[in-house]
Amino acid sequence: MSVAPRIVAADALAAALDAGPALRRGLVMANGIFDLLHVGHVRYLEGARAEGERLVVALNSDASARRLKGEGRPVVPLQERLELVAAFRCVDWVTWFDGDRVEDLLRLLRPGVHAKGTDYTLESVPERVLAASLGIRTAIVGDPKEHATSEILNRLRGASGGAAPEKRA
């Protein structure tokens, strides 16, 4: 089964949700960069899905990831990150956004729940005020923040003497 139909531009997803309002019932939105997937990502997405019936995951574009994480990031380009996240059983749709925050997507998709990872508290979620004004509940999900892509990259750099890991054929 191909995951491509699960990868949808935000405008197209919003149109589908508007055309089939039952699809929006129980809709949860999670977001992030999802560069170099690790168990923390799995637990976050499974926790997000447990908050509702359907899960849409919004990925930062490559330019957005670079602004947030610095040069050299993301390691994995957007199209590949979209395919990887779409392959998770708990994910119904994957989309992407160019901004540094997801306010525009919250307005467009109007999920019932906006799920954030445990590196946030309810008070520190940047979009919490907008979400509340739209009637969107914010949920903190996943395991304690003990896994990070940055840590994996640092370990790889240390193991290779500071240079980027070699590519294998």
Protein backbone atom coordinates (compact mmCIF):
# COMPACT_ATOMS: atom_id res chain seq x y z
CA MET A 1 0.00 0.00 0.00
CA SER A 2 1.35 3.39 -0.94
CA VAL A 3 1.42 6.15 1.66
CA ALA A 4 1.23 8.90 -0.97
CA PRO A 5 -2.58 9.44 -0.64
CA ARG A 6 -2.01 10.15 3.04
CA ILE A 7 0.34 13.04 2.17
CA VAL A 8 -1.91 16.01 1.46
CA ALA A 9 -1.38 19.73 0.97
CA ALA A 10 -3.04 21.65 3.79
CA ASP A 11 -5.57 23.41 1.51
CA ALA A 12 -6.65 20.09 -0.02
CA LEU A 13 -6.99 18.51 3.42
CA ALA A 14 -9.06 21.46 4.65
CA ALA A 15 -11.34 21.11 1.61
CA ALA A 16 -11.80 17.39 2.30
CA LEU A 17 -12.57 18.09 5.97
CA ASP A 18 -15.08 20.78 4.97
CA ALA A 19 -16.74 18.44 2.45
CA GLY A 20 -16.98 15.60 4.98
CA PRO A 21 -17.55 17.13 8.41
CA ALA A 22 -17.54 13.69 10.05
CA LEU A 23 -13.83 13.51 9.18
CA ARG A 24 -13.16 16.51 11.43
CA ARG A 25 -14.88 14.84 14.41
CA GLY A 26 -12.15 13.57 16.72
CA LEU A 27 -9.41 15.25 14.66
CA VAL A 28 -6.08 15.72 16.44
CA MET A 29 -3.18 17.70 15.01
CA ALA A 30 0.46 17.17 15.99
CA ASN A 31 3.39 18.99 14.48
CA GLY A 32 7.16 19.03 14.34
CA ILE A 33 10.23 18.61 12.18
CA PHE A 34 10.56 14.80 12.49
CA ASP A 35 14.15 14.74 11.30
CA LEU A 36 15.93 11.42 12.03
CA LEU A 37 13.00 9.56 13.54
CA HIS A 38 13.46 8.04 17.01
CA VAL A 39 11.35 6.36 19.68
CA GLY A 40 10.34 9.72 21.18
CA HIS A 41 8.62 10.57 17.88
CA VAL A 42 6.76 7.25 17.91
CA ARG A 43 5.54 7.78 21.48
CA TYR A 44 4.51 11.38 20.73
CA LEU A 45 2.47 10.39 17.68
CA GLU A 46 0.84 7.43 19.41
CA GLY A 47 -0.01 9.67 22.36
CA ALA A 48 -1.47 12.27 20.00
CA ARG A 49 -3.64 9.68 18.24
CA ALA A 50 -4.94 8.46 21.59
CA GLU A 51 -6.47 11.93 22.09
CA GLY A 52 -8.96 11.43 19.24
CA GLU A 53 -10.12 9.42 16.25
CA ARG A 54 -7.93 10.79 13.45
CA LEU A 55 -4.44 12.24 13.42
CA VAL A 56 -3.00 14.80 11.05
CA VAL A 57 0.70 15.54 11.45
CA ALA A 58 2.09 18.84 10.16
CA LEU A 59 5.79 18.92 9.31
CA ASN A 60 7.96 22.02 9.18
CA SER A 61 9.24 22.68 5.67
CA ASP A 62 12.97 22.46 5.06
CA ALA A 63 13.30 26.26 5.23
CA SER A 64 11.35 26.39 8.49
CA ALA A 65 13.45 23.58 10.01
CA ARG A 66 16.64 25.42 9.01
CA ARG A 67 15.43 28.64 10.65
CA LEU A 68 14.55 26.80 13.86
CA LYS A 69 17.49 24.35 14.07
CA GLY A 70 20.28 26.02 12.08
CA GLU A 71 22.31 25.25 8.99
CA GLY A 72 22.68 21.59 8.18
CA ARG A 73 19.14 20.81 9.26
CA PRO A 74 17.04 19.08 8.40
CA VAL A 75 19.22 16.10 7.59
CA VAL A 76 16.31 14.37 5.85
CA PRO A 77 14.49 16.43 3.18
CA LEU A 78 10.78 17.22 3.53
CA GLN A 79 9.48 14.75 0.94
CA GLU A 80 11.25 11.87 2.67
CA ARG A 81 10.13 13.02 6.13
CA LEU A 82 6.54 13.18 4.86
CA GLU A 83 6.75 9.60 3.57
CA LEU A 84 8.29 8.32 6.79
CA VAL A 85 5.68 9.90 9.04
CA ALA A 86 2.84 8.82 6.72
CA ALA A 87 3.99 5.21 7.14
CA PHE A 88 3.03 5.18 10.84
CA ARG A 89 -0.22 3.26 11.51
CA CYS A 90 -1.41 5.92 13.94
CA VAL A 91 -1.19 8.71 11.32
CA ASP A 92 -4.12 9.42 8.99
CA TRP A 93 -2.72 12.39 7.07
CA VAL A 94 0.55 14.29 6.81
CA THR A 95 0.88 17.85 5.60
CA TRP A 96 3.52 20.57 5.82
CA PHE A 97 3.86 24.25 6.59
CA ASP A 98 6.43 26.97 5.92
CA GLY A 99 6.07 29.05 9.08
CA ASP A 100 7.86 28.58 12.37
CA ARG A 101 4.58 28.00 14.21
CA VAL A 102 1.31 26.31 13.23
CA GLU A 103 -1.28 29.03 13.90
CA ASP A 104 -2.34 29.22 10.25
CA LEU A 105 -2.88 25.45 10.12
CA LEU A 106 -4.90 25.51 13.33
CA ARG A 107 -7.17 28.14 11.75
CA LEU A 108 -7.39 26.22 8.47
CA LEU A 109 -7.87 22.65 9.74
CA ARG A 110 -9.69 23.40 13.02
CA PRO A 111 -8.83 20.15 14.83
CA GLY A 112 -10.49 19.39 18.14
CA VAL A 113 -7.11 18.82 19.78
CA HIS A 114 -3.63 20.25 19.24
CA ALA A 115 -1.11 17.77 20.64
CA LYS A 116 2.35 18.89 21.74
CA GLY A 117 5.24 16.89 23.16
CA THR A 118 6.42 16.80 26.74
CA ASP A 119 9.11 19.39 26.06
CA TYR A 120 6.15 21.79 26.48
CA THR A 121 3.75 22.48 29.32
CA LEU A 122 0.20 23.69 28.72
CA GLU A 123 1.39 27.19 29.64
CA SER A 124 4.40 27.18 27.29
CA VAL A 125 2.71 26.01 24.06
CA PRO A 126 3.21 28.97 21.69
CA GLU A 127 -0.18 28.47 19.99
CA ARG A 128 -2.23 27.94 23.18
CA VAL A 129 -4.03 31.31 23.16
CA LEU A 130 -5.08 30.98 19.53
CA ALA A 131 -6.07 27.34 20.02
CA ALA A 132 -8.25 28.24 22.99
CA SER A 133 -9.90 31.07 21.05
CA LEU A 134 -10.79 28.56 18.31
CA GLY A 135 -12.15 26.02 20.79
CA ILE A 136 -9.19 23.68 20.27
CA ARG A 137 -8.02 21.76 23.32
CA THR A 138 -4.25 21.57 23.83
CA ALA A 139 -2.89 18.22 25.05
CA ILE A 140 0.63 17.36 26.18
CA VAL A 141 1.42 13.81 25.03
CA GLY A 142 4.27 11.35 24.70
CA ASP A 143 6.98 10.19 27.03
CA PRO A 144 9.37 12.43 28.96
CA LYS A 145 11.68 14.31 26.61
CA GLU A 146 14.60 11.88 26.82
CA HIS A 147 15.18 11.52 23.09
CA ALA A 148 16.25 14.23 20.66
CA THR A 149 17.47 14.34 17.10
CA SER A 150 20.11 16.88 18.13
CA GLU A 151 21.55 14.40 20.64
CA ILE A 152 21.67 11.66 18.00
CA LEU A 153 23.49 14.01 15.61
CA ASN A 154 25.96 15.00 18.33
CA ARG A 155 26.71 11.34 19.08
CA LEU A 156 27.24 10.64 15.38
CA ARG A 157 29.56 13.63 15.02
CA GLY A 158 31.52 12.55 18.10
CA ALA A 159 31.87 8.99 16.79
CA SER A 160 33.22 10.27 13.49
CA GLY A 161 35.69 12.73 14.97
CA GLY A 162 33.47 15.75 14.41
CA ALA A 163 32.81 15.26 10.71
CA ALA A 164 29.46 14.28 9.30
CA PRO A 165 28.97 10.53 8.99
CA GLU A 166 30.01 9.02 5.67
CA LYS A 167 27.30 8.07 3.21
CA ARG A 168 27.10 4.41 2.31
CA ALA A 169 26.24 3.17 -1.15
